[in-house]
Amino acid sequence: MSNLRNTPCGKTVTVRRVEGEGATRRRIMDMGITRGAEVFVRKVAPLGDPIEVTVRGYELSLRKADAEKILVE
């Protein structure tokens, strides 16, 4: 498994686990990034932050720090 931050543009991955604790983990899960969800990496900013993904039919921008906590396969 790797994390969402290391996923290249144009690739679809499946979420296996969301790490972290408390409010940060809850916020990520409230955005629809839960176990089993398919995430398509649309764009990565030139300096790597933020990452734009498509999850459950809508576009979402994530910070690198948050993307590292999302383990994918």
PDB file of N, CA and C in Angstrom:
ATOM      1  N   MET A   1       0.838  -1.184   0.000  1.00  0.00           N
ATOM      2  CA  MET A   1       0.000   0.000   0.000  1.00  0.00           C
ATOM      3  C   MET A   1       0.883   1.247   0.000  1.00  0.00           C
ATOM      4  N   SER A   2       0.371   2.260  -0.645  1.00  0.00           N
ATOM      5  CA  SER A   2       1.054   3.556  -0.627  1.00  0.00           C
ATOM      6  C   SER A   2       0.036   4.601  -0.206  1.00  0.00           C
ATOM      7  N   ASN A   3       0.470   5.844  -0.156  1.00  0.00           N
ATOM      8  CA  ASN A   3      -0.484   6.883   0.228  1.00  0.00           C
ATOM      9  C   ASN A   3      -0.914   7.682  -0.994  1.00  0.00           C
ATOM     10  N   LEU A   4      -1.957   8.456  -0.837  1.00  0.00           N
ATOM     11  CA  LEU A   4      -2.532   9.213  -1.956  1.00  0.00           C
ATOM     12  C   LEU A   4      -1.566  10.263  -2.481  1.00  0.00           C
ATOM     13  N   ARG A   5      -0.710  10.779  -1.640  1.00  0.00           N
ATOM     14  CA  ARG A   5       0.243  11.803  -2.068  1.00  0.00           C
ATOM     15  C   ARG A   5       1.195  11.279  -3.145  1.00  0.00           C
ATOM     16  N   ASN A   6       1.556  10.015  -3.086  1.00  0.00           N
ATOM     17  CA  ASN A   6       2.506   9.433  -4.039  1.00  0.00           C
ATOM     18  C   ASN A   6       1.850   8.874  -5.295  1.00  0.00           C
ATOM     19  N   THR A   7       0.548   9.004  -5.423  1.00  0.00           N
ATOM     20  CA  THR A   7      -0.166   8.492  -6.590  1.00  0.00           C
ATOM     21  C   THR A   7       0.002   9.462  -7.764  1.00  0.00           C
ATOM     22  N   PRO A   8       0.416   8.970  -8.926  1.00  0.00           N
ATOM     23  CA  PRO A   8       0.603   9.861 -10.080  1.00  0.00           C
ATOM     24  C   PRO A   8      -0.719  10.342 -10.681  1.00  0.00           C
ATOM     25  N   CYS A   9      -0.648  11.438 -11.407  1.00  0.00           N
ATOM     26  CA  CYS A   9      -1.826  12.004 -12.088  1.00  0.00           C
ATOM     27  C   CYS A   9      -2.403  10.991 -13.068  1.00  0.00           C
ATOM     28  N   GLY A  10      -3.722  10.981 -13.188  1.00  0.00           N
ATOM     29  CA  GLY A  10      -4.386  10.125 -14.157  1.00  0.00           C
ATOM     30  C   GLY A  10      -4.633   8.712 -13.681  1.00  0.00           C
ATOM     31  N   LYS A  11      -4.327   8.406 -12.446  1.00  0.00           N
ATOM     32  CA  LYS A  11      -4.496   7.056 -11.942  1.00  0.00           C
ATOM     33  C   LYS A  11      -5.668   6.995 -10.959  1.00  0.00           C
ATOM     34  N   THR A  12      -6.410   5.904 -11.020  1.00  0.00           N
ATOM     35  CA  THR A  12      -7.503   5.665 -10.091  1.00  0.00           C
ATOM     36  C   THR A  12      -7.061   4.642  -9.065  1.00  0.00           C
ATOM     37  N   VAL A  13      -7.291   4.942  -7.796  1.00  0.00           N
ATOM     38  CA  VAL A  13      -6.900   4.049  -6.710  1.00  0.00           C
ATOM     39  C   VAL A  13      -8.089   3.830  -5.777  1.00  0.00           C
ATOM     40  N   THR A  14      -7.989   2.821  -4.929  1.00  0.00           N
ATOM     41  CA  THR A  14      -9.028   2.505  -3.959  1.00  0.00           C
ATOM     42  C   THR A  14      -8.500   2.776  -2.558  1.00  0.00           C
ATOM     43  N   VAL A  15      -9.284   3.451  -1.757  1.00  0.00           N
ATOM     44  CA  VAL A  15      -8.887   3.776  -0.386  1.00  0.00           C
ATOM     45  C   VAL A  15      -8.957   2.518   0.462  1.00  0.00           C
ATOM     46  N   ARG A  16      -7.886   2.232   1.173  1.00  0.00           N
ATOM     47  CA  ARG A  16      -7.845   1.079   2.059  1.00  0.00           C
ATOM     48  C   ARG A  16      -7.966   1.471   3.528  1.00  0.00           C
ATOM     49  N   ARG A  17      -7.412   2.650   3.880  1.00  0.00           N
ATOM     50  CA  ARG A  17      -7.471   3.081   5.274  1.00  0.00           C
ATOM     51  C   ARG A  17      -7.194   4.570   5.359  1.00  0.00           C
ATOM     52  N   VAL A  18      -7.832   5.217   6.312  1.00  0.00           N
ATOM     53  CA  VAL A  18      -7.562   6.624   6.594  1.00  0.00           C
ATOM     54  C   VAL A  18      -6.902   6.675   7.966  1.00  0.00           C
ATOM     55  N   GLU A  19      -5.649   7.116   7.996  1.00  0.00           N
ATOM     56  CA  GLU A  19      -4.927   7.217   9.254  1.00  0.00           C
ATOM     57  C   GLU A  19      -5.186   8.566   9.893  1.00  0.00           C
ATOM     58  N   GLY A  20      -4.594   8.784  11.022  1.00  0.00           N
ATOM     59  CA  GLY A  20      -4.777  10.038  11.732  1.00  0.00           C
ATOM     60  C   GLY A  20      -5.726   9.841  12.889  1.00  0.00           C
ATOM     61  N   GLU A  21      -6.036  10.940  13.543  1.00  0.00           N
ATOM     62  CA  GLU A  21      -6.907  10.839  14.702  1.00  0.00           C
ATOM     63  C   GLU A  21      -7.718  12.112  14.862  1.00  0.00           C
ATOM     64  N   GLY A  22      -8.784  11.982  15.568  1.00  0.00           N
ATOM     65  CA  GLY A  22      -9.593  13.133  15.920  1.00  0.00           C
ATOM     66  C   GLY A  22     -10.232  13.853  14.749  1.00  0.00           C
ATOM     67  N   ALA A  23     -10.189  15.179  14.836  1.00  0.00           N
ATOM     68  CA  ALA A  23     -10.883  16.041  13.877  1.00  0.00           C
ATOM     69  C   ALA A  23     -10.350  15.907  12.455  1.00  0.00           C
ATOM     70  N   THR A  24      -9.055  15.707  12.301  1.00  0.00           N
ATOM     71  CA  THR A  24      -8.476  15.583  10.961  1.00  0.00           C
ATOM     72  C   THR A  24      -9.028  14.357  10.249  1.00  0.00           C
ATOM     73  N   ARG A  25      -9.033  13.232  10.910  1.00  0.00           N
ATOM     74  CA  ARG A  25      -9.554  11.997  10.315  1.00  0.00           C
ATOM     75  C   ARG A  25     -11.044  12.138  10.009  1.00  0.00           C
ATOM     76  N   ARG A  26     -11.781  12.707  10.915  1.00  0.00           N
ATOM     77  CA  ARG A  26     -13.221  12.889  10.727  1.00  0.00           C
ATOM     78  C   ARG A  26     -13.499  13.797   9.537  1.00  0.00           C
ATOM     79  N   ARG A  27     -12.714  14.879   9.374  1.00  0.00           N
ATOM     80  CA  ARG A  27     -12.905  15.813   8.263  1.00  0.00           C
ATOM     81  C   ARG A  27     -12.668  15.119   6.926  1.00  0.00           C
ATOM     82  N   ILE A  28     -11.609  14.310   6.842  1.00  0.00           N
ATOM     83  CA  ILE A  28     -11.312  13.576   5.608  1.00  0.00           C
ATOM     84  C   ILE A  28     -12.459  12.614   5.279  1.00  0.00           C
ATOM     85  N   MET A  29     -12.941  11.906   6.274  1.00  0.00           N
ATOM     86  CA  MET A  29     -14.020  10.953   6.046  1.00  0.00           C
ATOM     87  C   MET A  29     -15.330  11.664   5.700  1.00  0.00           C
ATOM     88  N   ASP A  30     -15.567  12.830   6.275  1.00  0.00           N
ATOM     89  CA  ASP A  30     -16.774  13.597   5.951  1.00  0.00           C
ATOM     90  C   ASP A  30     -16.773  14.083   4.505  1.00  0.00           C
ATOM     91  N   MET A  31     -15.593  14.219   3.899  1.00  0.00           N
ATOM     92  CA  MET A  31     -15.501  14.632   2.498  1.00  0.00           C
ATOM     93  C   MET A  31     -15.777  13.478   1.543  1.00  0.00           C
ATOM     94  N   GLY A  32     -16.026  12.290   2.071  1.00  0.00           N
ATOM     95  CA  GLY A  32     -16.364  11.147   1.222  1.00  0.00           C
ATOM     96  C   GLY A  32     -15.212  10.193   0.984  1.00  0.00           C
ATOM     97  N   ILE A  33     -14.073  10.464   1.581  1.00  0.00           N
ATOM     98  CA  ILE A  33     -12.919   9.578   1.408  1.00  0.00           C
ATOM     99  C   ILE A  33     -12.964   8.548   2.527  1.00  0.00           C
ATOM    100  N   THR A  34     -13.619   7.438   2.234  1.00  0.00           N
ATOM    101  CA  THR A  34     -13.779   6.364   3.199  1.00  0.00           C
ATOM    102  C   THR A  34     -13.250   5.070   2.604  1.00  0.00           C
ATOM    103  N   ARG A  35     -13.132   4.066   3.415  1.00  0.00           N
ATOM    104  CA  ARG A  35     -12.624   2.777   2.978  1.00  0.00           C
ATOM    105  C   ARG A  35     -13.452   2.237   1.810  1.00  0.00           C
ATOM    106  N   GLY A  36     -12.765   1.833   0.748  1.00  0.00           N
ATOM    107  CA  GLY A  36     -13.428   1.282  -0.428  1.00  0.00           C
ATOM    108  C   GLY A  36     -13.785   2.296  -1.501  1.00  0.00           C
ATOM    109  N   ALA A  37     -13.663   3.581  -1.201  1.00  0.00           N
ATOM    110  CA  ALA A  37     -13.992   4.612  -2.195  1.00  0.00           C
ATOM    111  C   ALA A  37     -12.918   4.668  -3.272  1.00  0.00           C
ATOM    112  N   GLU A  38     -13.346   4.860  -4.523  1.00  0.00           N
ATOM    113  CA  GLU A  38     -12.392   5.009  -5.617  1.00  0.00           C
ATOM    114  C   GLU A  38     -12.065   6.483  -5.793  1.00  0.00           C
ATOM    115  N   VAL A  39     -10.775   6.777  -5.911  1.00  0.00           N
ATOM    116  CA  VAL A  39     -10.298   8.153  -6.023  1.00  0.00           C
ATOM    117  C   VAL A  39      -9.472   8.268  -7.298  1.00  0.00           C
ATOM    118  N   PHE A  40      -9.819   9.249  -8.135  1.00  0.00           N
ATOM    119  CA  PHE A  40      -9.082   9.527  -9.367  1.00  0.00           C
ATOM    120  C   PHE A  40      -8.264  10.795  -9.139  1.00  0.00           C
ATOM    121  N   VAL A  41      -6.948  10.697  -9.349  1.00  0.00           N
ATOM    122  CA  VAL A  41      -6.070  11.858  -9.171  1.00  0.00           C
ATOM    123  C   VAL A  41      -6.093  12.669 -10.458  1.00  0.00           C
ATOM    124  N   ARG A  42      -6.689  13.873 -10.411  1.00  0.00           N
ATOM    125  CA  ARG A  42      -6.840  14.716 -11.589  1.00  0.00           C
ATOM    126  C   ARG A  42      -5.613  15.567 -11.848  1.00  0.00           C
ATOM    127  N   LYS A  43      -5.171  16.293 -10.844  1.00  0.00           N
ATOM    128  CA  LYS A  43      -4.055  17.232 -11.017  1.00  0.00           C
ATOM    129  C   LYS A  43      -3.240  17.311  -9.735  1.00  0.00           C
ATOM    130  N   VAL A  44      -1.971  17.666  -9.914  1.00  0.00           N
ATOM    131  CA  VAL A  44      -1.107  17.988  -8.780  1.00  0.00           C
ATOM    132  C   VAL A  44      -0.495  19.346  -9.075  1.00  0.00           C
ATOM    133  N   ALA A  45      -0.572  20.249  -8.132  1.00  0.00           N
ATOM    134  CA  ALA A  45      -0.018  21.592  -8.320  1.00  0.00           C
ATOM    135  C   ALA A  45       1.487  21.510  -8.572  1.00  0.00           C
ATOM    136  N   PRO A  46       2.060  22.514  -9.227  1.00  0.00           N
ATOM    137  CA  PRO A  46       3.489  22.485  -9.568  1.00  0.00           C
ATOM    138  C   PRO A  46       4.421  22.222  -8.382  1.00  0.00           C
ATOM    139  N   LEU A  47       4.096  22.730  -7.238  1.00  0.00           N
ATOM    140  CA  LEU A  47       4.928  22.485  -6.056  1.00  0.00           C
ATOM    141  C   LEU A  47       4.405  21.317  -5.222  1.00  0.00           C
ATOM    142  N   GLY A  48       3.414  20.612  -5.744  1.00  0.00           N
ATOM    143  CA  GLY A  48       2.896  19.418  -5.094  1.00  0.00           C
ATOM    144  C   GLY A  48       1.785  19.645  -4.090  1.00  0.00           C
ATOM    145  N   ASP A  49       1.400  20.880  -3.882  1.00  0.00           N
ATOM    146  CA  ASP A  49       0.370  21.152  -2.887  1.00  0.00           C
ATOM    147  C   ASP A  49      -0.574  22.207  -3.408  1.00  0.00           C
ATOM    148  N   PRO A  50      -1.834  21.993  -3.590  1.00  0.00           N
ATOM    149  CA  PRO A  50      -2.642  20.828  -3.236  1.00  0.00           C
ATOM    150  C   PRO A  50      -2.737  19.801  -4.366  1.00  0.00           C
ATOM    151  N   ILE A  51      -3.447  18.740  -4.069  1.00  0.00           N
ATOM    152  CA  ILE A  51      -3.720  17.670  -5.023  1.00  0.00           C
ATOM    153  C   ILE A  51      -5.220  17.720  -5.319  1.00  0.00           C
ATOM    154  N   GLU A  52      -5.594  17.695  -6.594  1.00  0.00           N
ATOM    155  CA  GLU A  52      -7.015  17.692  -6.952  1.00  0.00           C
ATOM    156  C   GLU A  52      -7.423  16.279  -7.335  1.00  0.00           C
ATOM    157  N   VAL A  53      -8.469  15.777  -6.686  1.00  0.00           N
ATOM    158  CA  VAL A  53      -8.949  14.422  -6.927  1.00  0.00           C
ATOM    159  C   VAL A  53     -10.451  14.443  -7.217  1.00  0.00           C
ATOM    160  N   THR A  54     -10.919  13.370  -7.827  1.00  0.00           N
ATOM    161  CA  THR A  54     -12.351  13.168  -8.012  1.00  0.00           C
ATOM    162  C   THR A  54     -12.740  11.970  -7.167  1.00  0.00           C
ATOM    163  N   VAL A  55     -13.703  12.176  -6.284  1.00  0.00           N
ATOM    164  CA  VAL A  55     -14.180  11.102  -5.417  1.00  0.00           C
ATOM    165  C   VAL A  55     -15.696  11.204  -5.326  1.00  0.00           C
ATOM    166  N   ARG A  56     -16.369  10.086  -5.541  1.00  0.00           N
ATOM    167  CA  ARG A  56     -17.835  10.006  -5.465  1.00  0.00           C
ATOM    168  C   ARG A  56     -18.533  11.048  -6.344  1.00  0.00           C
ATOM    169  N   GLY A  57     -17.926  11.357  -7.505  1.00  0.00           N
ATOM    170  CA  GLY A  57     -18.560  12.239  -8.471  1.00  0.00           C
ATOM    171  C   GLY A  57     -18.297  13.722  -8.311  1.00  0.00           C
ATOM    172  N   TYR A  58     -17.457  14.134  -7.391  1.00  0.00           N
ATOM    173  CA  TYR A  58     -17.151  15.553  -7.266  1.00  0.00           C
ATOM    174  C   TYR A  58     -15.652  15.771  -7.091  1.00  0.00           C
ATOM    175  N   GLU A  59     -15.218  16.991  -7.421  1.00  0.00           N
ATOM    176  CA  GLU A  59     -13.805  17.335  -7.337  1.00  0.00           C
ATOM    177  C   GLU A  59     -13.488  17.844  -5.935  1.00  0.00           C
ATOM    178  N   LEU A  60     -12.291  17.512  -5.478  1.00  0.00           N
ATOM    179  CA  LEU A  60     -11.877  17.847  -4.134  1.00  0.00           C
ATOM    180  C   LEU A  60     -10.393  18.180  -4.151  1.00  0.00           C
ATOM    181  N   SER A  61      -9.989  19.208  -3.440  1.00  0.00           N
ATOM    182  CA  SER A  61      -8.571  19.555  -3.311  1.00  0.00           C
ATOM    183  C   SER A  61      -8.111  19.185  -1.909  1.00  0.00           C
ATOM    184  N   LEU A  62      -6.980  18.496  -1.847  1.00  0.00           N
ATOM    185  CA  LEU A  62      -6.423  18.050  -0.576  1.00  0.00           C
ATOM    186  C   LEU A  62      -5.015  18.576  -0.382  1.00  0.00           C
ATOM    187  N   ARG A  63      -4.674  18.900   0.832  1.00  0.00           N
ATOM    188  CA  ARG A  63      -3.301  19.274   1.152  1.00  0.00           C
ATOM    189  C   ARG A  63      -2.434  18.026   1.175  1.00  0.00           C
ATOM    190  N   LYS A  64      -1.125  18.213   0.952  1.00  0.00           N
ATOM    191  CA  LYS A  64      -0.200  17.081   0.977  1.00  0.00           C
ATOM    192  C   LYS A  64      -0.253  16.351   2.309  1.00  0.00           C
ATOM    193  N   ALA A  65      -0.326  17.106   3.392  1.00  0.00           N
ATOM    194  CA  ALA A  65      -0.342  16.500   4.726  1.00  0.00           C
ATOM    195  C   ALA A  65      -1.548  15.586   4.900  1.00  0.00           C
ATOM    196  N   ASP A  66      -2.693  15.987   4.354  1.00  0.00           N
ATOM    197  CA  ASP A  66      -3.894  15.147   4.455  1.00  0.00           C
ATOM    198  C   ASP A  66      -3.802  13.947   3.517  1.00  0.00           C
ATOM    199  N   ALA A  67      -3.255  14.151   2.324  1.00  0.00           N
ATOM    200  CA  ALA A  67      -3.131  13.065   1.352  1.00  0.00           C
ATOM    201  C   ALA A  67      -2.194  11.970   1.845  1.00  0.00           C
ATOM    202  N   GLU A  68      -1.214  12.314   2.669  1.00  0.00           N
ATOM    203  CA  GLU A  68      -0.298  11.301   3.208  1.00  0.00           C
ATOM    204  C   GLU A  68      -1.002  10.364   4.169  1.00  0.00           C
ATOM    205  N   LYS A  69      -2.084  10.783   4.765  1.00  0.00           N
ATOM    206  CA  LYS A  69      -2.808   9.971   5.739  1.00  0.00           C
ATOM    207  C   LYS A  69      -3.797   9.021   5.106  1.00  0.00           C
ATOM    208  N   ILE A  70      -3.953   9.099   3.776  1.00  0.00           N
ATOM    209  CA  ILE A  70      -4.906   8.245   3.062  1.00  0.00           C
ATOM    210  C   ILE A  70      -4.130   7.128   2.382  1.00  0.00           C
ATOM    211  N   LEU A  71      -4.259   5.917   2.898  1.00  0.00           N
ATOM    212  CA  LEU A  71      -3.556   4.773   2.320  1.00  0.00           C
ATOM    213  C   LEU A  71      -4.415   4.183   1.214  1.00  0.00           C
ATOM    214  N   VAL A  72      -3.789   3.955   0.055  1.00  0.00           N
ATOM    215  CA  VAL A  72      -4.516   3.487  -1.117  1.00  0.00           C
ATOM    216  C   VAL A  72      -3.847   2.261  -1.722  1.00  0.00           C
ATOM    217  N   GLU A  73      -4.557   1.628  -2.630  1.00  0.00           N
ATOM    218  CA  GLU A  73      -4.074   0.422  -3.293  1.00  0.00           C
ATOM    219  C   GLU A  73      -4.426   0.485  -4.762  1.00  0.00           C
TER     220      GLU A  73
END
